[in-house]
Amino acid sequence: MPIRFVRMVQFTRLIKVEGRLREFNFRKLKSPEEEMFNVNVCNEWGDRFFFNMQKKETTWRIESGEFPNWVLQHEPNLNEAIEDELRRW
């Protein structure tokens, strides 16, 4: 019986949003059939937002949900952070 290994990717990036640095935490799901990252970030009051980013064609896109505009506006930066980290592997 062959053993199949799937590498776990987990990292944190600081991204400047609305004049302050925010810590975005990324964790890749271990599903080889579907490329997806869980992402979480806090606002200034300590409320944590959780969302998924899925690879659609060549870009990482935020899946539907209710988020503050500052999360949605920085989707290209989140895509760039994921692509940059995956190039290292």
C-alpha atoms as a PDB file:
ATOM      1  CA  MET A   1       0.000   0.000   0.000  1.00  0.00           C
ATOM      2  CA  PRO A   2       1.650   3.271  -1.083  1.00  0.00           C
ATOM      3  CA  ILE A   3       1.960   6.051   1.470  1.00  0.00           C
ATOM      4  CA  ARG A   4       1.040   9.486   0.220  1.00  0.00           C
ATOM      5  CA  PHE A   5       2.534  12.553   1.880  1.00  0.00           C
ATOM      6  CA  VAL A   6       0.948  15.985   1.613  1.00  0.00           C
ATOM      7  CA  ARG A   7       3.123  18.848   2.840  1.00  0.00           C
ATOM      8  CA  MET A   8       1.549  21.173   5.398  1.00  0.00           C
ATOM      9  CA  VAL A   9       2.074  24.848   4.649  1.00  0.00           C
ATOM     10  CA  GLN A  10       1.469  27.374   7.418  1.00  0.00           C
ATOM     11  CA  PHE A  11       2.789  30.939   7.574  1.00  0.00           C
ATOM     12  CA  THR A  12       2.074  34.470   8.778  1.00  0.00           C
ATOM     13  CA  ARG A  13       2.420  37.731   6.860  1.00  0.00           C
ATOM     14  CA  LEU A  14       2.172  41.325   8.021  1.00  0.00           C
ATOM     15  CA  ILE A  15       0.279  43.423   5.486  1.00  0.00           C
ATOM     16  CA  LYS A  16      -0.291  47.151   5.841  1.00  0.00           C
ATOM     17  CA  VAL A  17      -4.024  47.859   5.773  1.00  0.00           C
ATOM     18  CA  GLU A  18      -5.507  51.315   6.346  1.00  0.00           C
ATOM     19  CA  GLY A  19      -2.300  52.672   7.854  1.00  0.00           C
ATOM     20  CA  ARG A  20      -1.620  49.816  10.268  1.00  0.00           C
ATOM     21  CA  LEU A  21       0.041  46.419  10.039  1.00  0.00           C
ATOM     22  CA  ARG A  22      -2.298  43.470  10.300  1.00  0.00           C
ATOM     23  CA  GLU A  23      -1.202  39.906  10.889  1.00  0.00           C
ATOM     24  CA  PHE A  24      -2.705  37.456   8.390  1.00  0.00           C
ATOM     25  CA  ASN A  25      -2.299  33.774   9.289  1.00  0.00           C
ATOM     26  CA  PHE A  26      -2.460  31.232   6.451  1.00  0.00           C
ATOM     27  CA  ARG A  27      -2.855  27.449   6.669  1.00  0.00           C
ATOM     28  CA  LYS A  28      -3.143  25.211   3.627  1.00  0.00           C
ATOM     29  CA  LEU A  29      -5.725  22.455   3.821  1.00  0.00           C
ATOM     30  CA  LYS A  30      -4.378  18.960   3.351  1.00  0.00           C
ATOM     31  CA  SER A  31      -6.701  18.069   0.497  1.00  0.00           C
ATOM     32  CA  PRO A  32      -4.727  17.134  -2.636  1.00  0.00           C
ATOM     33  CA  GLU A  33      -7.886  17.371  -4.788  1.00  0.00           C
ATOM     34  CA  GLU A  34      -8.580  21.012  -3.939  1.00  0.00           C
ATOM     35  CA  GLU A  35      -6.146  23.866  -3.338  1.00  0.00           C
ATOM     36  CA  MET A  36      -7.418  25.993  -0.465  1.00  0.00           C
ATOM     37  CA  PHE A  37      -6.024  28.097   2.378  1.00  0.00           C
ATOM     38  CA  ASN A  38      -7.703  28.997   5.668  1.00  0.00           C
ATOM     39  CA  VAL A  39      -6.887  32.609   6.543  1.00  0.00           C
ATOM     40  CA  ASN A  40      -7.559  34.586   9.709  1.00  0.00           C
ATOM     41  CA  VAL A  41      -6.945  38.178  10.768  1.00  0.00           C
ATOM     42  CA  CYS A  42      -7.924  40.450  13.671  1.00  0.00           C
ATOM     43  CA  ASN A  43      -9.405  43.932  13.538  1.00  0.00           C
ATOM     44  CA  GLU A  44      -8.445  46.716  15.941  1.00  0.00           C
ATOM     45  CA  TRP A  45     -10.958  45.516  18.576  1.00  0.00           C
ATOM     46  CA  GLY A  46      -9.614  41.964  18.598  1.00  0.00           C
ATOM     47  CA  ASP A  47     -12.433  40.417  16.568  1.00  0.00           C
ATOM     48  CA  ARG A  48     -10.989  37.627  14.451  1.00  0.00           C
ATOM     49  CA  PHE A  49     -12.211  37.042  10.901  1.00  0.00           C
ATOM     50  CA  PHE A  50     -11.878  33.583   9.343  1.00  0.00           C
ATOM     51  CA  PHE A  51     -12.189  32.940   5.629  1.00  0.00           C
ATOM     52  CA  ASN A  52     -11.012  30.593   2.899  1.00  0.00           C
ATOM     53  CA  MET A  53      -9.069  31.397  -0.226  1.00  0.00           C
ATOM     54  CA  GLN A  54      -9.399  28.974  -3.120  1.00  0.00           C
ATOM     55  CA  LYS A  55      -7.332  28.810  -6.267  1.00  0.00           C
ATOM     56  CA  LYS A  56      -9.497  29.655  -9.263  1.00  0.00           C
ATOM     57  CA  GLU A  57      -7.625  29.344 -12.527  1.00  0.00           C
ATOM     58  CA  THR A  58      -4.346  31.118 -11.696  1.00  0.00           C
ATOM     59  CA  THR A  59      -5.373  33.369  -8.780  1.00  0.00           C
ATOM     60  CA  TRP A  60      -6.251  32.851  -5.140  1.00  0.00           C
ATOM     61  CA  ARG A  61      -9.724  34.265  -4.473  1.00  0.00           C
ATOM     62  CA  ILE A  62     -11.644  34.852  -1.235  1.00  0.00           C
ATOM     63  CA  GLU A  63     -14.678  32.613  -0.985  1.00  0.00           C
ATOM     64  CA  SER A  64     -18.019  34.248  -0.319  1.00  0.00           C
ATOM     65  CA  GLY A  65     -18.806  35.577   3.128  1.00  0.00           C
ATOM     66  CA  GLU A  66     -19.297  38.765   5.065  1.00  0.00           C
ATOM     67  CA  PHE A  67     -16.043  40.579   5.728  1.00  0.00           C
ATOM     68  CA  PRO A  68     -14.978  44.166   6.254  1.00  0.00           C
ATOM     69  CA  ASN A  69     -14.073  46.037   3.065  1.00  0.00           C
ATOM     70  CA  TRP A  70     -10.425  46.253   4.113  1.00  0.00           C
ATOM     71  CA  VAL A  71     -10.163  42.461   3.796  1.00  0.00           C
ATOM     72  CA  LEU A  72     -11.750  42.371   0.348  1.00  0.00           C
ATOM     73  CA  GLN A  73      -9.700  45.323  -0.921  1.00  0.00           C
ATOM     74  CA  HIS A  74      -6.450  43.512  -0.140  1.00  0.00           C
ATOM     75  CA  GLU A  75      -7.289  40.276  -1.927  1.00  0.00           C
ATOM     76  CA  PRO A  76      -4.458  40.885  -4.473  1.00  0.00           C
ATOM     77  CA  ASN A  77      -1.955  41.263  -1.597  1.00  0.00           C
ATOM     78  CA  LEU A  78      -3.190  38.017  -0.026  1.00  0.00           C
ATOM     79  CA  ASN A  79      -2.861  36.267  -3.399  1.00  0.00           C
ATOM     80  CA  GLU A  80       0.698  37.581  -3.713  1.00  0.00           C
ATOM     81  CA  ALA A  81       1.571  36.390  -0.179  1.00  0.00           C
ATOM     82  CA  ILE A  82       0.351  32.861  -0.929  1.00  0.00           C
ATOM     83  CA  GLU A  83       2.134  32.674  -4.285  1.00  0.00           C
ATOM     84  CA  ASP A  84       5.349  33.990  -2.733  1.00  0.00           C
ATOM     85  CA  GLU A  85       5.250  31.372   0.041  1.00  0.00           C
ATOM     86  CA  LEU A  86       4.468  28.501  -2.365  1.00  0.00           C
ATOM     87  CA  ARG A  87       7.444  29.456  -4.563  1.00  0.00           C
ATOM     88  CA  ARG A  88       9.704  28.797  -1.568  1.00  0.00           C
ATOM     89  CA  TRP A  89       8.589  25.179  -1.390  1.00  0.00           C
END
